[in-house]
């Protein structure tokens, strides 16, 4: 479902209305968690591409932690999250080695 679109409810049964409300609440929480992870990843990538090793060092651990939390909450699939972590760590290590020269 696209972001911001209302859920269409055809039946007015109490259980249907409750399920629709739960679905909206879950979607909102999932969106917030997904946004938190993507923002952290974006900040880390920006620091890496800018060559700012100290900022990247400070951002690496919280970003990896946010990705792990997203796995726990079911926002990201484990393989997807591991791929993100691997690529971010490789980029960080490359930037760190480049900065050390």
PDB file of N, CA and C in Angstrom:
ATOM      1  N   UNK A   1       0.843  -1.169   0.000  1.00  0.00           N
ATOM      2  CA  UNK A   1       0.000   0.000   0.000  1.00  0.00           C
ATOM      3  C   UNK A   1       0.895   1.240   0.000  1.00  0.00           C
ATOM      4  N   UNK A   2       0.528   2.228  -0.788  1.00  0.00           N
ATOM      5  CA  UNK A   2       1.318   3.447  -0.876  1.00  0.00           C
ATOM      6  C   UNK A   2       1.259   4.224   0.433  1.00  0.00           C
ATOM      7  N   UNK A   3       2.314   4.976   0.661  1.00  0.00           N
ATOM      8  CA  UNK A   3       2.392   5.732   1.904  1.00  0.00           C
ATOM      9  C   UNK A   3       1.315   6.811   1.926  1.00  0.00           C
ATOM     10  N   UNK A   4       0.611   6.911   3.029  1.00  0.00           N
ATOM     11  CA  UNK A   4      -0.381   7.948   3.201  1.00  0.00           C
ATOM     12  C   UNK A   4      -1.765   7.608   2.701  1.00  0.00           C
ATOM     13  N   UNK A   5      -1.912   6.443   2.065  1.00  0.00           N
ATOM     14  CA  UNK A   5      -3.241   6.068   1.592  1.00  0.00           C
ATOM     15  C   UNK A   5      -4.022   5.419   2.716  1.00  0.00           C
ATOM     16  N   UNK A   6      -5.305   5.727   2.767  1.00  0.00           N
ATOM     17  CA  UNK A   6      -6.166   5.157   3.793  1.00  0.00           C
ATOM     18  C   UNK A   6      -6.539   3.729   3.424  1.00  0.00           C
ATOM     19  N   UNK A   7      -6.735   2.890   4.442  1.00  0.00           N
ATOM     20  CA  UNK A   7      -7.164   1.524   4.232  1.00  0.00           C
ATOM     21  C   UNK A   7      -8.667   1.528   3.990  1.00  0.00           C
ATOM     22  N   UNK A   8      -9.081   0.874   2.923  1.00  0.00           N
ATOM     23  CA  UNK A   8     -10.503   0.817   2.627  1.00  0.00           C
ATOM     24  C   UNK A   8     -11.126  -0.323   3.424  1.00  0.00           C
ATOM     25  N   UNK A   9     -12.168  -0.007   4.168  1.00  0.00           N
ATOM     26  CA  UNK A   9     -12.853  -0.996   4.992  1.00  0.00           C
ATOM     27  C   UNK A   9     -14.264  -1.155   4.444  1.00  0.00           C
ATOM     28  N   UNK A  10     -14.574  -2.364   3.999  1.00  0.00           N
ATOM     29  CA  UNK A  10     -15.896  -2.600   3.419  1.00  0.00           C
ATOM     30  C   UNK A  10     -16.915  -2.974   4.478  1.00  0.00           C
ATOM     31  N   UNK A  11     -16.475  -3.797   5.443  1.00  0.00           N
ATOM     32  CA  UNK A  11     -17.418  -4.268   6.458  1.00  0.00           C
ATOM     33  C   UNK A  11     -17.308  -3.420   7.705  1.00  0.00           C
ATOM     34  N   UNK A  12     -18.377  -3.287   8.425  1.00  0.00           N
ATOM     35  CA  UNK A  12     -18.410  -2.474   9.639  1.00  0.00           C
ATOM     36  C   UNK A  12     -18.448  -3.329  10.900  1.00  0.00           C
ATOM     37  N   UNK A  13     -18.029  -4.607  10.775  1.00  0.00           N
ATOM     38  CA  UNK A  13     -17.980  -5.466  11.956  1.00  0.00           C
ATOM     39  C   UNK A  13     -16.901  -4.945  12.898  1.00  0.00           C
ATOM     40  N   UNK A  14     -17.129  -5.170  14.181  1.00  0.00           N
ATOM     41  CA  UNK A  14     -16.203  -4.686  15.195  1.00  0.00           C
ATOM     42  C   UNK A  14     -14.800  -5.284  14.991  1.00  0.00           C
ATOM     43  N   UNK A  15     -14.737  -6.577  14.688  1.00  0.00           N
ATOM     44  CA  UNK A  15     -13.441  -7.234  14.519  1.00  0.00           C
ATOM     45  C   UNK A  15     -12.710  -6.704  13.290  1.00  0.00           C
ATOM     46  N   UNK A  16     -13.439  -6.392  12.224  1.00  0.00           N
ATOM     47  CA  UNK A  16     -12.829  -5.865  11.002  1.00  0.00           C
ATOM     48  C   UNK A  16     -12.269  -4.468  11.270  1.00  0.00           C
ATOM     49  N   UNK A  17     -13.023  -3.657  11.968  1.00  0.00           N
ATOM     50  CA  UNK A  17     -12.561  -2.309  12.299  1.00  0.00           C
ATOM     51  C   UNK A  17     -11.324  -2.346  13.192  1.00  0.00           C
ATOM     52  N   UNK A  18     -11.320  -3.282  14.148  1.00  0.00           N
ATOM     53  CA  UNK A  18     -10.172  -3.408  15.046  1.00  0.00           C
ATOM     54  C   UNK A  18      -8.929  -3.846  14.278  1.00  0.00           C
ATOM     55  N   UNK A  19      -9.101  -4.824  13.376  1.00  0.00           N
ATOM     56  CA  UNK A  19      -7.972  -5.305  12.582  1.00  0.00           C
ATOM     57  C   UNK A  19      -7.406  -4.187  11.709  1.00  0.00           C
ATOM     58  N   UNK A  20      -8.290  -3.385  11.133  1.00  0.00           N
ATOM     59  CA  UNK A  20      -7.849  -2.272  10.288  1.00  0.00           C
ATOM     60  C   UNK A  20      -7.057  -1.259  11.107  1.00  0.00           C
ATOM     61  N   UNK A  21      -7.526  -0.982  12.323  1.00  0.00           N
ATOM     62  CA  UNK A  21      -6.820  -0.045  13.200  1.00  0.00           C
ATOM     63  C   UNK A  21      -5.449  -0.596  13.587  1.00  0.00           C
ATOM     64  N   UNK A  22      -5.389  -1.882  13.902  1.00  0.00           N
ATOM     65  CA  UNK A  22      -4.112  -2.514  14.258  1.00  0.00           C
ATOM     66  C   UNK A  22      -3.145  -2.469  13.084  1.00  0.00           C
ATOM     67  N   UNK A  23      -3.676  -2.703  11.897  1.00  0.00           N
ATOM     68  CA  UNK A  23      -2.850  -2.685  10.698  1.00  0.00           C
ATOM     69  C   UNK A  23      -2.252  -1.299  10.468  1.00  0.00           C
ATOM     70  N   UNK A  24      -3.062  -0.257  10.662  1.00  0.00           N
ATOM     71  CA  UNK A  24      -2.568   1.119  10.502  1.00  0.00           C
ATOM     72  C   UNK A  24      -1.476   1.423  11.526  1.00  0.00           C
ATOM     73  N   UNK A  25      -1.692   1.001  12.776  1.00  0.00           N
ATOM     74  CA  UNK A  25      -0.710   1.258  13.829  1.00  0.00           C
ATOM     75  C   UNK A  25       0.603   0.535  13.539  1.00  0.00           C
ATOM     76  N   UNK A  26       0.512  -0.732  13.110  1.00  0.00           N
ATOM     77  CA  UNK A  26       1.705  -1.501  12.791  1.00  0.00           C
ATOM     78  C   UNK A  26       2.474  -0.872  11.629  1.00  0.00           C
ATOM     79  N   UNK A  27       1.728  -0.422  10.613  1.00  0.00           N
ATOM     80  CA  UNK A  27       2.359   0.207   9.447  1.00  0.00           C
ATOM     81  C   UNK A  27       3.097   1.479   9.854  1.00  0.00           C
ATOM     82  N   UNK A  28       2.514   2.232  10.770  1.00  0.00           N
ATOM     83  CA  UNK A  28       3.138   3.471  11.236  1.00  0.00           C
ATOM     84  C   UNK A  28       4.436   3.179  11.995  1.00  0.00           C
ATOM     85  N   UNK A  29       4.400   2.169  12.856  1.00  0.00           N
ATOM     86  CA  UNK A  29       5.597   1.791  13.616  1.00  0.00           C
ATOM     87  C   UNK A  29       6.678   1.263  12.678  1.00  0.00           C
ATOM     88  N   UNK A  30       6.282   0.420  11.733  1.00  0.00           N
ATOM     89  CA  UNK A  30       7.245  -0.120  10.774  1.00  0.00           C
ATOM     90  C   UNK A  30       7.872   0.986   9.939  1.00  0.00           C
ATOM     91  N   UNK A  31       7.059   1.956   9.521  1.00  0.00           N
ATOM     92  CA  UNK A  31       7.573   3.068   8.722  1.00  0.00           C
ATOM     93  C   UNK A  31       8.585   3.871   9.525  1.00  0.00           C
ATOM     94  N   UNK A  32       8.289   4.112  10.790  1.00  0.00           N
ATOM     95  CA  UNK A  32       9.213   4.872  11.640  1.00  0.00           C
ATOM     96  C   UNK A  32      10.535   4.123  11.804  1.00  0.00           C
ATOM     97  N   UNK A  33      10.464   2.820  12.025  1.00  0.00           N
ATOM     98  CA  UNK A  33      11.685   2.022  12.189  1.00  0.00           C
ATOM     99  C   UNK A  33      12.497   1.983  10.899  1.00  0.00           C
ATOM    100  N   UNK A  34      11.814   1.819   9.772  1.00  0.00           N
ATOM    101  CA  UNK A  34      12.490   1.782   8.472  1.00  0.00           C
ATOM    102  C   UNK A  34      13.161   3.121   8.190  1.00  0.00           C
ATOM    103  N   UNK A  35      12.476   4.215   8.513  1.00  0.00           N
ATOM    104  CA  UNK A  35      13.035   5.548   8.306  1.00  0.00           C
ATOM    105  C   UNK A  35      14.276   5.758   9.165  1.00  0.00           C
ATOM    106  N   UNK A  36      14.216   5.299  10.410  1.00  0.00           N
ATOM    107  CA  UNK A  36      15.351   5.440  11.326  1.00  0.00           C
ATOM    108  C   UNK A  36      16.587   4.731  10.766  1.00  0.00           C
ATOM    109  N   UNK A  37      16.398   3.525  10.247  1.00  0.00           N
ATOM    110  CA  UNK A  37      17.517   2.751   9.703  1.00  0.00           C
ATOM    111  C   UNK A  37      18.070   3.417   8.453  1.00  0.00           C
ATOM    112  N   UNK A  38      17.190   3.824   7.554  1.00  0.00           N
ATOM    113  CA  UNK A  38      17.641   4.428   6.299  1.00  0.00           C
ATOM    114  C   UNK A  38      18.371   5.746   6.534  1.00  0.00           C
ATOM    115  N   UNK A  39      17.909   6.524   7.496  1.00  0.00           N
ATOM    116  CA  UNK A  39      18.572   7.780   7.819  1.00  0.00           C
ATOM    117  C   UNK A  39      19.969   7.531   8.366  1.00  0.00           C
ATOM    118  N   UNK A  40      20.097   6.553   9.248  1.00  0.00           N
ATOM    119  CA  UNK A  40      21.403   6.220   9.821  1.00  0.00           C
ATOM    120  C   UNK A  40      22.363   5.757   8.723  1.00  0.00           C
ATOM    121  N   UNK A  41      21.858   4.919   7.813  1.00  0.00           N
ATOM    122  CA  UNK A  41      22.698   4.437   6.717  1.00  0.00           C
ATOM    123  C   UNK A  41      23.112   5.596   5.800  1.00  0.00           C
ATOM    124  N   UNK A  42      22.188   6.505   5.534  1.00  0.00           N
ATOM    125  CA  UNK A  42      22.478   7.651   4.668  1.00  0.00           C
ATOM    126  C   UNK A  42      23.555   8.538   5.291  1.00  0.00           C
ATOM    127  N   UNK A  43      23.453   8.780   6.607  1.00  0.00           N
ATOM    128  CA  UNK A  43      24.455   9.603   7.293  1.00  0.00           C
ATOM    129  C   UNK A  43      25.834   8.955   7.237  1.00  0.00           C
ATOM    130  N   UNK A  44      25.876   7.649   7.454  1.00  0.00           N
ATOM    131  CA  UNK A  44      27.161   6.943   7.418  1.00  0.00           C
ATOM    132  C   UNK A  44      27.762   6.992   6.019  1.00  0.00           C
ATOM    133  N   UNK A  45      26.938   6.733   5.002  1.00  0.00           N
ATOM    134  CA  UNK A  45      27.439   6.786   3.620  1.00  0.00           C
ATOM    135  C   UNK A  45      27.962   8.183   3.271  1.00  0.00           C
ATOM    136  N   UNK A  46      27.266   9.211   3.729  1.00  0.00           N
ATOM    137  CA  UNK A  46      27.695  10.583   3.466  1.00  0.00           C
ATOM    138  C   UNK A  46      29.053  10.853   4.103  1.00  0.00           C
ATOM    139  N   UNK A  47      29.233  10.405   5.332  1.00  0.00           N
ATOM    140  CA  UNK A  47      30.515  10.590   6.027  1.00  0.00           C
ATOM    141  C   UNK A  47      31.628   9.831   5.314  1.00  0.00           C
ATOM    142  N   UNK A  48      31.319   8.634   4.832  1.00  0.00           N
ATOM    143  CA  UNK A  48      32.331   7.823   4.144  1.00  0.00           C
ATOM    144  C   UNK A  48      32.735   8.483   2.825  1.00  0.00           C
ATOM    145  N   UNK A  49      31.753   8.908   2.046  1.00  0.00           N
ATOM    146  CA  UNK A  49      32.076   9.510   0.746  1.00  0.00           C
ATOM    147  C   UNK A  49      32.770  10.856   0.908  1.00  0.00           C
ATOM    148  N   UNK A  50      32.487  11.572   2.002  1.00  0.00           N
ATOM    149  CA  UNK A  50      33.161  12.843   2.259  1.00  0.00           C
ATOM    150  C   UNK A  50      34.597  12.627   2.739  1.00  0.00           C
ATOM    151  N   UNK A  51      34.927  11.401   3.123  1.00  0.00           N
ATOM    152  CA  UNK A  51      36.264  11.090   3.603  1.00  0.00           C
ATOM    153  C   UNK A  51      36.480  11.449   5.064  1.00  0.00           C
ATOM    154  N   UNK A  52      35.391  11.698   5.778  1.00  0.00           N
ATOM    155  CA  UNK A  52      35.470  12.057   7.193  1.00  0.00           C
ATOM    156  C   UNK A  52      35.503  10.775   8.027  1.00  0.00           C
ATOM    157  N   UNK A  53      36.706  10.295   8.315  1.00  0.00           N
ATOM    158  CA  UNK A  53      36.878   9.005   8.985  1.00  0.00           C
ATOM    159  C   UNK A  53      36.398   9.054  10.437  1.00  0.00           C
ATOM    160  N   UNK A  54      36.623  10.174  11.122  1.00  0.00           N
ATOM    161  CA  UNK A  54      36.206  10.257  12.530  1.00  0.00           C
ATOM    162  C   UNK A  54      34.683  10.231  12.649  1.00  0.00           C
ATOM    163  N   UNK A  55      33.988  10.954  11.775  1.00  0.00           N
ATOM    164  CA  UNK A  55      32.523  10.941  11.799  1.00  0.00           C
ATOM    165  C   UNK A  55      32.003   9.554  11.440  1.00  0.00           C
ATOM    166  N   UNK A  56      32.628   8.931  10.451  1.00  0.00           N
ATOM    167  CA  UNK A  56      32.218   7.590  10.041  1.00  0.00           C
ATOM    168  C   UNK A  56      32.441   6.590  11.169  1.00  0.00           C
ATOM    169  N   UNK A  57      33.541   6.747  11.891  1.00  0.00           N
ATOM    170  CA  UNK A  57      33.830   5.862  13.027  1.00  0.00           C
ATOM    171  C   UNK A  57      32.764   6.003  14.104  1.00  0.00           C
ATOM    172  N   UNK A  58      32.350   7.252  14.354  1.00  0.00           N
ATOM    173  CA  UNK A  58      31.322   7.493  15.370  1.00  0.00           C
ATOM    174  C   UNK A  58      29.949   7.004  14.933  1.00  0.00           C
ATOM    175  N   UNK A  59      29.698   6.949  13.636  1.00  0.00           N
ATOM    176  CA  UNK A  59      28.385   6.551  13.123  1.00  0.00           C
ATOM    177  C   UNK A  59      28.264   5.054  12.849  1.00  0.00           C
ATOM    178  N   UNK A  60      29.391   4.356  12.695  1.00  0.00           N
ATOM    179  CA  UNK A  60      29.348   2.954  12.278  1.00  0.00           C
ATOM    180  C   UNK A  60      28.595   2.073  13.272  1.00  0.00           C
ATOM    181  N   UNK A  61      28.987   2.122  14.529  1.00  0.00           N
ATOM    182  CA  UNK A  61      28.362   1.241  15.530  1.00  0.00           C
ATOM    183  C   UNK A  61      26.863   1.512  15.703  1.00  0.00           C
ATOM    184  N   UNK A  62      26.432   2.775  15.855  1.00  0.00           N
ATOM    185  CA  UNK A  62      24.982   3.017  15.975  1.00  0.00           C
ATOM    186  C   UNK A  62      24.189   2.578  14.737  1.00  0.00           C
ATOM    187  N   UNK A  63      24.798   2.719  13.555  1.00  0.00           N
ATOM    188  CA  UNK A  63      24.108   2.312  12.325  1.00  0.00           C
ATOM    189  C   UNK A  63      23.930   0.804  12.285  1.00  0.00           C
ATOM    190  N   UNK A  64      24.986   0.066  12.592  1.00  0.00           N
ATOM    191  CA  UNK A  64      24.896  -1.402  12.600  1.00  0.00           C
ATOM    192  C   UNK A  64      23.907  -1.868  13.671  1.00  0.00           C
ATOM    193  N   UNK A  65      23.882  -1.169  14.792  1.00  0.00           N
ATOM    194  CA  UNK A  65      22.940  -1.494  15.857  1.00  0.00           C
ATOM    195  C   UNK A  65      21.500  -1.249  15.404  1.00  0.00           C
ATOM    196  N   UNK A  66      21.261  -0.147  14.702  1.00  0.00           N
ATOM    197  CA  UNK A  66      19.917   0.159  14.194  1.00  0.00           C
ATOM    198  C   UNK A  66      19.459  -0.898  13.188  1.00  0.00           C
ATOM    199  N   UNK A  67      20.388  -1.370  12.374  1.00  0.00           N
ATOM    200  CA  UNK A  67      20.060  -2.419  11.405  1.00  0.00           C
ATOM    201  C   UNK A  67      19.684  -3.706  12.133  1.00  0.00           C
ATOM    202  N   UNK A  68      20.443  -4.048  13.186  1.00  0.00           N
ATOM    203  CA  UNK A  68      20.136  -5.241  13.976  1.00  0.00           C
ATOM    204  C   UNK A  68      18.766  -5.134  14.648  1.00  0.00           C
ATOM    205  N   UNK A  69      18.437  -3.943  15.135  1.00  0.00           N
ATOM    206  CA  UNK A  69      17.122  -3.738  15.749  1.00  0.00           C
ATOM    207  C   UNK A  69      16.007  -3.900  14.720  1.00  0.00           C
ATOM    208  N   UNK A  70      16.270  -3.463  13.497  1.00  0.00           N
ATOM    209  CA  UNK A  70      15.271  -3.606  12.429  1.00  0.00           C
ATOM    210  C   UNK A  70      15.031  -5.082  12.116  1.00  0.00           C
ATOM    211  N   UNK A  71      16.078  -5.904  12.214  1.00  0.00           N
ATOM    212  CA  UNK A  71      15.911  -7.351  12.022  1.00  0.00           C
ATOM    213  C   UNK A  71      15.002  -7.900  13.119  1.00  0.00           C
ATOM    214  N   UNK A  72      15.282  -7.509  14.363  1.00  0.00           N
ATOM    215  CA  UNK A  72      14.525  -7.997  15.508  1.00  0.00           C
ATOM    216  C   UNK A  72      13.052  -7.627  15.409  1.00  0.00           C
ATOM    217  N   UNK A  73      12.781  -6.409  14.943  1.00  0.00           N
ATOM    218  CA  UNK A  73      11.405  -5.923  14.858  1.00  0.00           C
ATOM    219  C   UNK A  73      10.685  -6.413  13.605  1.00  0.00           C
ATOM    220  N   UNK A  74      11.416  -7.086  12.716  1.00  0.00           N
ATOM    221  CA  UNK A  74      10.789  -7.629  11.515  1.00  0.00           C
ATOM    222  C   UNK A  74      10.631  -6.619  10.398  1.00  0.00           C
ATOM    223  N   UNK A  75      11.321  -5.494  10.495  1.00  0.00           N
ATOM    224  CA  UNK A  75      11.236  -4.465   9.461  1.00  0.00           C
ATOM    225  C   UNK A  75      12.111  -4.843   8.270  1.00  0.00           C
ATOM    226  N   UNK A  76      13.285  -5.415   8.542  1.00  0.00           N
ATOM    227  CA  UNK A  76      14.189  -5.863   7.493  1.00  0.00           C
ATOM    228  C   UNK A  76      14.388  -7.372   7.598  1.00  0.00           C
ATOM    229  N   UNK A  77      14.533  -8.012   6.448  1.00  0.00           N
ATOM    230  CA  UNK A  77      14.869  -9.432   6.433  1.00  0.00           C
ATOM    231  C   UNK A  77      16.333  -9.570   6.832  1.00  0.00           C
ATOM    232  N   UNK A  78      16.658 -10.673   7.467  1.00  0.00           N
ATOM    233  CA  UNK A  78      18.008 -10.858   8.002  1.00  0.00           C
ATOM    234  C   UNK A  78      19.072 -10.814   6.908  1.00  0.00           C
ATOM    235  N   UNK A  79      18.824 -11.466   5.780  1.00  0.00           N
ATOM    236  CA  UNK A  79      19.807 -11.471   4.698  1.00  0.00           C
ATOM    237  C   UNK A  79      20.014 -10.074   4.125  1.00  0.00           C
ATOM    238  N   UNK A  80      18.939  -9.327   3.981  1.00  0.00           N
ATOM    239  CA  UNK A  80      19.023  -7.962   3.473  1.00  0.00           C
ATOM    240  C   UNK A  80      19.848  -7.103   4.422  1.00  0.00           C
ATOM    241  N   UNK A  81      19.568  -7.214   5.702  1.00  0.00           N
ATOM    242  CA  UNK A  81      20.283  -6.430   6.700  1.00  0.00           C
ATOM    243  C   UNK A  81      21.764  -6.808   6.736  1.00  0.00           C
ATOM    244  N   UNK A  82      22.051  -8.093   6.633  1.00  0.00           N
ATOM    245  CA  UNK A  82      23.450  -8.528   6.632  1.00  0.00           C
ATOM    246  C   UNK A  82      24.185  -8.005   5.399  1.00  0.00           C
ATOM    247  N   UNK A  83      23.493  -7.924   4.275  1.00  0.00           N
ATOM    248  CA  UNK A  83      24.090  -7.375   3.058  1.00  0.00           C
ATOM    249  C   UNK A  83      24.412  -5.891   3.263  1.00  0.00           C
ATOM    250  N   UNK A  84      23.469  -5.157   3.865  1.00  0.00           N
ATOM    251  CA  UNK A  84      23.700  -3.736   4.148  1.00  0.00           C
ATOM    252  C   UNK A  84      24.910  -3.560   5.063  1.00  0.00           C
ATOM    253  N   UNK A  85      24.944  -4.358   6.140  1.00  0.00           N
ATOM    254  CA  UNK A  85      26.035  -4.245   7.110  1.00  0.00           C
ATOM    255  C   UNK A  85      27.374  -4.556   6.452  1.00  0.00           C
ATOM    256  N   UNK A  86      27.401  -5.580   5.612  1.00  0.00           N
ATOM    257  CA  UNK A  86      28.633  -5.963   4.941  1.00  0.00           C
ATOM    258  C   UNK A  86      29.135  -4.854   4.032  1.00  0.00           C
ATOM    259  N   UNK A  87      28.241  -4.286   3.242  1.00  0.00           N
ATOM    260  CA  UNK A  87      28.647  -3.247   2.304  1.00  0.00           C
ATOM    261  C   UNK A  87      29.089  -1.971   3.022  1.00  0.00           C
ATOM    262  N   UNK A  88      28.381  -1.620   4.085  1.00  0.00           N
ATOM    263  CA  UNK A  88      28.774  -0.434   4.852  1.00  0.00           C
ATOM    264  C   UNK A  88      30.135  -0.631   5.523  1.00  0.00           C
ATOM    265  N   UNK A  89      30.355  -1.814   6.067  1.00  0.00           N
ATOM    266  CA  UNK A  89      31.629  -2.097   6.738  1.00  0.00           C
ATOM    267  C   UNK A  89      32.779  -2.102   5.747  1.00  0.00           C
ATOM    268  N   UNK A  90      32.556  -2.696   4.567  1.00  0.00           N
ATOM    269  CA  UNK A  90      33.595  -2.699   3.532  1.00  0.00           C
ATOM    270  C   UNK A  90      33.938  -1.274   3.096  1.00  0.00           C
ATOM    271  N   UNK A  91      32.907  -0.464   2.887  1.00  0.00           N
ATOM    272  CA  UNK A  91      33.135   0.926   2.483  1.00  0.00           C
ATOM    273  C   UNK A  91      33.875   1.696   3.570  1.00  0.00           C
ATOM    274  N   UNK A  92      33.481   1.452   4.829  1.00  0.00           N
ATOM    275  CA  UNK A  92      34.147   2.108   5.956  1.00  0.00           C
ATOM    276  C   UNK A  92      35.618   1.711   6.031  1.00  0.00           C
ATOM    277  N   UNK A  93      35.899   0.419   5.916  1.00  0.00           N
ATOM    278  CA  UNK A  93      37.282  -0.063   5.983  1.00  0.00           C
ATOM    279  C   UNK A  93      38.125   0.505   4.845  1.00  0.00           C
ATOM    280  N   UNK A  94      37.515   0.604   3.663  1.00  0.00           N
ATOM    281  CA  UNK A  94      38.225   1.160   2.513  1.00  0.00           C
ATOM    282  C   UNK A  94      38.537   2.637   2.757  1.00  0.00           C
ATOM    283  N   UNK A  95      37.570   3.388   3.272  1.00  0.00           N
ATOM    284  CA  UNK A  95      37.776   4.807   3.560  1.00  0.00           C
ATOM    285  C   UNK A  95      38.817   5.003   4.660  1.00  0.00           C
ATOM    286  N   UNK A  96      38.785   4.114   5.649  1.00  0.00           N
ATOM    287  CA  UNK A  96      39.743   4.192   6.750  1.00  0.00           C
ATOM    288  C   UNK A  96      41.171   3.929   6.250  1.00  0.00           C
ATOM    289  N   UNK A  97      41.318   2.927   5.386  1.00  0.00           N
ATOM    290  CA  UNK A  97      42.627   2.608   4.830  1.00  0.00           C
ATOM    291  C   UNK A  97      43.119   3.746   3.928  1.00  0.00           C
ATOM    292  N   UNK A  98      42.203   4.318   3.202  1.00  0.00           N
ATOM    293  CA  UNK A  98      42.542   5.434   2.311  1.00  0.00           C
ATOM    294  C   UNK A  98      42.955   6.652   3.117  1.00  0.00           C
ATOM    295  N   UNK A  99      42.267   6.877   4.253  1.00  0.00           N
ATOM    296  CA  UNK A  99      42.598   8.019   5.114  1.00  0.00           C
ATOM    297  C   UNK A  99      43.901   7.843   5.858  1.00  0.00           C
ATOM    298  N   UNK A 100      44.308   6.596   6.092  1.00  0.00           N
ATOM    299  CA  UNK A 100      45.535   6.333   6.825  1.00  0.00           C
ATOM    300  C   UNK A 100      46.777   6.588   5.965  1.00  0.00           C
ATOM    301  N   UNK A 101      46.613   6.562   4.652  1.00  0.00           N
ATOM    302  CA  UNK A 101      47.768   6.747   3.756  1.00  0.00           C
ATOM    303  C   UNK A 101      48.244   8.166   3.723  1.00  0.00           C
TER     304      UNK A 101
END
